[in-house]
Protein backbone atom coordinates (compact mmCIF):
# COMPACT_ATOMS: atom_id res chain seq x y z
CA MET A 1 160.22 53.37 155.60
CA TYR A 2 157.58 50.89 154.65
CA ALA A 3 156.36 53.09 151.83
CA HIS A 4 159.40 52.48 149.59
CA GLY A 5 158.66 50.30 146.49
CA PHE A 6 154.92 50.57 146.84
CA THR A 7 152.51 52.51 144.59
CA ARG A 8 149.46 54.11 145.94
CA LEU A 9 146.27 52.29 145.02
CA GLN A 10 143.59 54.57 143.59
CA SER A 11 140.13 54.01 144.88
CA ALA A 12 137.54 52.81 142.31
CA PRO A 13 135.01 55.40 141.15
CA LYS A 14 131.72 55.31 142.90
CA ALA A 15 128.86 53.78 141.00
CA ARG A 16 126.26 56.27 139.76
CA ALA A 17 122.98 56.23 141.47
CA ALA A 18 120.10 54.72 139.48
CA GLY A 19 118.38 58.10 139.17
CA SER A 20 121.52 59.70 137.74
CA ARG A 21 121.80 56.94 135.09
CA ARG A 22 118.21 57.47 134.01
CA ARG A 23 118.74 61.20 133.68
CA ALA A 24 121.84 60.66 131.52
CA ALA A 25 119.94 58.23 129.31
CA LEU A 26 117.16 60.75 128.83
CA ARG A 27 119.68 63.35 127.74
CA ARG A 28 120.99 60.96 125.07
CA ARG A 29 117.57 59.81 123.87
CA PRO A 30 116.97 60.62 120.14
CA SER A 31 114.48 63.39 119.52
CA ILE A 32 112.12 64.00 116.59
CA GLU A 33 112.05 67.49 115.16
CA SER A 34 108.97 68.80 113.40
CA LEU A 35 109.34 69.24 109.63
CA GLU A 36 108.32 72.28 107.62
CA GLY A 37 104.82 71.88 106.24
CA ARG A 38 104.40 70.89 102.58
CA GLN A 39 101.23 71.31 100.54
CA LEU A 40 100.71 69.74 97.14
CA LEU A 41 99.17 72.05 94.57
CA SER A 42 95.69 71.02 93.42
CA THR A 43 95.74 70.55 89.65
CA PHE A 44 92.71 70.50 87.36
CA ASN A 45 93.20 69.33 83.78
CA VAL A 46 91.48 70.64 80.66
CA SER A 47 91.33 67.87 78.08
CA THR A 48 88.44 68.86 75.82
CA ASP A 49 87.20 71.81 73.79
CA GLU A 50 83.66 71.34 75.12
CA ASP A 51 82.07 74.34 76.84
CA SER A 52 81.08 72.37 79.95
CA GLY A 53 81.32 68.99 81.61
CA ALA A 54 84.24 66.82 82.66
CA GLY A 55 87.56 67.97 81.25
CA SER A 56 86.28 71.40 80.21
CA LEU A 57 87.82 74.73 81.18
CA ARG A 58 84.52 75.75 82.77
CA GLN A 59 84.53 72.67 85.03
CA ALA A 60 88.21 73.21 85.90
CA ILE A 61 87.42 76.75 87.07
CA ILE A 62 84.43 75.50 89.09
CA ASP A 63 86.57 72.81 90.74
CA SER A 64 89.34 75.30 91.46
CA ASP A 65 86.89 77.77 92.98
CA ASN A 66 85.67 75.02 95.30
CA THR A 67 89.21 74.16 96.43
CA THR A 68 90.82 76.42 99.01
CA ALA A 69 94.17 77.84 97.92
CA THR A 70 96.56 80.63 98.87
CA PRO A 71 98.82 82.91 96.81
CA THR A 72 101.81 80.83 97.97
CA SER A 73 100.06 77.52 97.23
CA PRO A 74 97.72 78.29 94.32
CA ASN A 75 95.57 75.86 92.41
CA VAL A 76 96.70 74.95 88.89
CA ILE A 77 94.64 74.62 85.72
CA SER A 78 96.64 72.83 83.02
CA PHE A 79 95.86 71.76 79.46
CA ASN A 80 96.62 68.28 78.18
CA SER A 81 94.42 67.94 75.10
CA LYS A 82 95.65 66.44 71.85
CA GLY A 83 96.25 68.42 68.68
CA ALA A 84 98.32 71.44 67.81
CA LEU A 85 95.66 74.00 68.82
CA LEU A 86 92.87 73.87 71.39
CA LEU A 87 89.94 76.15 70.51
CA ILE A 88 87.41 76.65 73.33
CA GLU A 89 84.24 78.52 72.38
CA ALA A 90 82.45 79.69 75.51
CA GLN A 91 78.66 79.57 75.21
CA SER A 92 78.03 81.70 78.31
CA PRO A 93 80.17 83.72 80.78
CA LEU A 94 82.75 81.64 82.59
CA PRO A 95 82.76 81.60 86.41
CA ALA A 96 84.94 84.19 88.12
CA ILE A 97 88.27 82.94 89.43
CA THR A 98 87.82 83.23 93.20
CA GLN A 99 90.76 81.14 94.46
CA PRO A 100 94.42 81.87 93.64
CA THR A 101 94.96 79.92 90.44
CA ILE A 102 97.65 79.48 87.80
CA ILE A 103 96.17 78.98 84.34
CA GLY A 104 99.03 77.95 82.09
CA ALA A 105 98.95 76.55 78.58
CA THR A 106 102.61 75.53 78.61
CA THR A 107 101.71 71.92 79.51
CA LYS A 108 99.65 71.30 76.38
CA SER A 109 101.02 68.99 73.71
CA GLY A 110 102.21 71.03 70.77
CA TYR A 111 103.19 73.94 73.02
CA GLN A 112 105.43 76.46 71.30
CA PRO A 113 107.37 79.17 73.13
CA THR A 114 106.80 81.51 70.18
CA LYS A 115 102.98 81.52 70.26
CA PRO A 116 100.11 80.33 72.46
CA VAL A 117 98.30 77.11 71.53
CA VAL A 118 95.06 77.54 73.53
CA GLU A 119 92.37 79.92 72.23
CA LEU A 120 89.43 81.00 74.41
CA VAL A 121 86.78 82.69 72.24
CA GLY A 122 83.56 84.31 73.43
CA ASN A 123 81.59 85.09 70.26
CA PHE A 124 78.58 83.20 71.70
CA ALA A 125 79.12 83.92 75.41
CA GLY A 126 76.70 86.84 75.63
CA SER A 127 76.76 90.62 75.60
CA ALA A 128 78.08 90.95 79.18
CA ALA A 129 80.69 88.20 78.95
CA ILE A 130 84.29 88.71 80.11
CA GLY A 131 87.02 86.31 79.04
CA LEU A 132 88.49 85.82 82.52
CA ASP A 133 87.14 87.60 85.62
CA ILE A 134 89.86 87.35 88.28
CA THR A 135 89.04 88.26 91.89
CA ALA A 136 91.72 86.13 93.57
CA SER A 137 95.08 87.71 94.39
CA GLY A 138 98.17 85.78 93.36
CA SER A 139 96.62 84.29 90.21
CA GLU A 140 98.53 83.91 86.93
CA VAL A 141 97.46 83.55 83.30
CA LYS A 142 100.27 82.41 81.03
CA ARG A 143 100.34 82.00 77.24
CA LEU A 144 96.61 82.02 76.60
CA ILE A 145 94.66 83.58 73.71
CA ILE A 146 91.51 85.41 74.84
CA GLY A 147 89.29 87.05 72.25
CA GLY A 148 85.80 87.73 71.03
CA PHE A 149 84.29 88.69 74.41
CA ASN A 150 81.87 91.56 74.18
CA ALA A 151 82.56 93.15 77.58
CA GLY A 152 86.33 92.65 77.69
CA GLY A 153 89.24 90.25 77.71
CA VAL A 154 90.48 90.08 81.32
CA LEU A 155 89.11 91.86 84.39
CA ILE A 156 91.31 91.99 87.51
CA ASP A 157 88.78 93.08 90.11
CA ASN A 158 89.95 93.99 93.64
CA ALA A 159 92.88 91.59 93.31
CA SER A 160 96.63 92.10 93.77
CA ASN A 161 99.79 90.42 92.49
CA VAL A 162 98.03 88.95 89.46
CA THR A 163 100.29 88.23 86.49
CA LEU A 164 99.39 88.12 82.80
CA ASP A 165 102.40 86.81 80.89
CA HIS A 166 102.80 86.28 77.12
CA ASP A 167 99.04 86.26 76.51
CA TYR A 168 97.29 87.34 73.29
CA LEU A 169 94.20 89.48 73.85
CA GLY A 170 92.10 90.45 70.84
CA VAL A 171 94.03 88.49 68.20
CA ASP A 172 94.32 84.84 67.23
CA GLN A 173 97.39 82.61 67.20
CA MET A 174 98.59 84.26 63.98
CA GLN A 175 97.92 87.75 65.42
CA ASN A 176 94.89 88.30 63.19
CA LEU A 177 91.63 89.90 64.27
CA THR A 178 89.49 87.26 62.56
CA SER A 179 89.83 83.56 61.91
CA ALA A 180 87.68 80.47 61.42
CA ASP A 181 86.88 77.37 63.44
CA PRO A 182 87.64 73.86 62.11
CA ASN A 183 84.24 73.86 60.35
CA GLY A 184 85.01 77.09 58.54
CA ASN A 185 82.69 79.25 60.64
CA PRO A 186 84.04 82.79 61.12
CA LEU A 187 85.50 83.83 64.46
CA ASN A 188 85.98 87.40 65.64
CA PHE A 189 88.80 87.83 68.15
CA ARG A 190 88.13 91.48 68.98
CA ASN A 191 87.30 92.13 72.63
CA GLY A 192 84.62 94.76 73.12
CA THR A 193 85.18 97.47 75.70
CA TYR A 194 88.75 96.68 76.74
CA GLY A 195 91.58 94.21 76.54
CA VAL A 196 92.52 94.29 80.25
CA THR A 197 91.01 96.25 83.13
CA ILE A 198 92.48 96.48 86.63
CA GLN A 199 90.01 98.08 89.00
CA SER A 200 89.34 98.78 92.67
CA GLU A 201 87.89 101.55 94.80
CA ASN A 202 89.26 99.97 97.99
CA PHE A 203 92.64 101.42 98.96
CA GLY A 204 95.49 99.06 98.07
CA ALA A 205 93.16 96.27 96.91
CA ALA A 206 94.53 96.18 93.37
CA THR A 207 98.28 96.62 93.59
CA GLY A 208 101.36 94.82 92.31
CA ASN A 209 99.63 93.37 89.25
CA VAL A 210 101.96 92.74 86.30
CA LEU A 211 101.12 92.71 82.59
CA SER A 212 104.23 91.42 80.84
CA ASN A 213 105.01 90.66 77.19
CA ASP A 214 101.37 90.43 76.14
CA ILE A 215 99.65 91.50 72.95
CA VAL A 216 96.65 93.69 73.82
CA SER A 217 95.00 94.60 70.53
CA GLY A 218 91.72 94.38 68.68
CA THR A 219 89.50 96.30 71.11
CA ASP A 220 86.70 98.69 70.21
CA TYR A 221 87.65 101.19 72.90
CA ASN A 222 90.61 100.81 75.29
CA GLY A 223 93.55 98.45 75.38
CA ILE A 224 94.32 98.63 79.11
CA ILE A 225 92.28 100.45 81.76
CA LEU A 226 93.64 101.22 85.26
CA SER A 227 90.56 102.26 87.17
CA GLY A 228 89.75 103.40 90.69
CA SER A 229 91.55 104.99 93.62
CA GLY A 230 92.41 101.56 95.01
CA THR A 231 94.35 100.60 91.88
CA THR A 232 97.97 101.46 92.67
CA HIS A 233 101.54 100.52 91.73
CA ASN A 234 100.80 98.12 88.89
CA VAL A 235 103.28 97.33 86.13
CA VAL A 236 102.69 97.23 82.37
CA GLU A 237 105.97 96.08 80.88
CA GLY A 238 107.00 94.89 77.44
CA ASP A 239 103.42 94.69 76.17
CA PHE A 240 102.40 95.31 72.56
CA ILE A 241 99.29 97.49 72.67
CA GLY A 242 97.43 97.90 69.41
CA THR A 243 100.12 96.09 67.39
CA ASP A 244 101.45 92.67 66.50
CA LEU A 245 104.63 91.24 68.04
CA THR A 246 106.86 93.36 65.82
CA GLY A 247 105.53 96.47 67.54
CA MET A 248 105.33 98.15 64.15
CA ASP A 249 102.18 96.88 62.42
CA ALA A 250 98.90 98.16 63.82
CA THR A 251 96.25 95.50 64.33
CA ASP A 252 93.38 97.59 65.70
CA ASP A 253 92.53 100.39 63.33
CA PRO A 254 90.19 102.77 65.13
CA PRO A 255 86.53 101.82 64.72
CA ARG A 256 83.85 104.35 63.88
CA GLY A 257 86.42 106.79 62.53
CA ARG A 258 87.75 107.89 65.93
CA PRO A 259 91.39 108.97 66.14
CA ASP A 260 93.64 106.32 67.66
CA ARG A 261 95.34 108.18 70.51
CA LEU A 262 97.51 107.06 73.40
CA ARG A 263 94.65 107.22 75.86
CA ARG A 264 92.96 104.47 73.87
CA HIS A 265 95.89 102.17 74.58
CA VAL A 266 96.39 102.83 78.28
CA GLU A 267 93.71 104.78 80.10
CA GLN A 268 93.72 105.69 83.77
CA ARG A 269 90.45 106.49 85.50
CA GLY A 270 90.30 107.95 88.99
CA ARG A 271 93.24 109.42 90.88
CA GLY A 272 94.14 108.37 94.38
CA GLN A 273 97.00 109.82 96.42
CA LEU A 274 99.21 106.83 95.62
CA HIS A 275 97.64 106.09 92.26
CA ARG A 276 100.79 105.47 90.25
CA HIS A 277 101.86 102.73 87.90
CA ARG A 278 104.90 101.88 85.79
CA LEU A 279 104.69 101.69 82.02
CA HIS A 280 107.78 100.35 80.29
CA ARG A 281 108.77 99.66 76.67
CA GLN A 282 105.35 99.47 75.10
CA GLY A 283 104.88 98.61 71.47
CA LEU A 284 102.51 101.04 69.78
CA PRO A 285 101.56 101.44 66.12
CA ALA A 286 104.41 102.97 64.12
CA ARG A 287 102.23 105.84 62.96
CA HIS A 288 102.12 107.08 66.56
CA ALA A 289 105.78 108.01 66.84
CA ALA A 290 105.11 110.53 69.62
CA ASP A 291 103.38 107.85 71.65
CA GLN A 292 106.31 105.51 71.09
CA ARG A 293 108.72 108.09 72.50
CA ARG A 294 106.54 108.78 75.50
CA LEU A 295 106.45 105.10 76.52
CA ARG A 296 109.98 104.09 75.52
CA GLN A 297 111.43 104.56 79.01
CA PRO A 298 109.97 103.59 82.40
CA ARG A 299 107.76 106.22 83.92
CA LEU A 300 105.12 106.67 86.58
CA VAL A 301 101.54 107.49 85.71
CA GLN A 302 99.87 109.28 88.57
């Protein structure tokens, strides 16, 4: 009877123990998560047409070779010289490219999407000189003119996933075989033995290389050579071999009276079990209509 009109008092919650409060605070404490690693690309600038010394292409290659890089974080060689055209006349063979490196002439003032504005010429580089000797996988050469080297234009040696894109090999900026320097001295843009060679005898050591939208002309022997049992699954796509950019006018008439046959344009040496490559939409001289038909559609060479 005494309970009528009264409400039941609720007991106050018990205070948390000190240890419990500390544990709760630790659960709410802000945490710091590790961030994904970032690596700035090392860039080396070419600002002069000199053969050596600060700002030269030779020094940029030396500096790049001495700087560790990876195919996912390659070094960069850029061009920032003044003038509409940068002509570099190598006086001796350039160092091999031993670290993954992007060599791109798109940063140079006066750059034009329709034609390269950096010419690398090897008329005085020596009988064994190669324009660019690339041994580092993941390298790229973009919109460069390479001509006048007695041994060859570009050698991709035991390297994979190298890209040559919109380069001129064996012709000058105007797609001529000969030209002149600013002093009127004659320049020969023909490369000697080959325009481009991809080679390896080590299984799978030269695979996934891409030659895309290049001119490969003006050679005394072969345009492109795919050599060795370790050279597999490379792509030659949209290149103009033995012609100008129209794909109709021949630029490299056969020297010494030899017939100009397909094997002169793309030659394969050595046959491994997986030695196969893709050739797609090549430009060949118009007088070789049969060759044009053979390379019009993608196909495997094995």
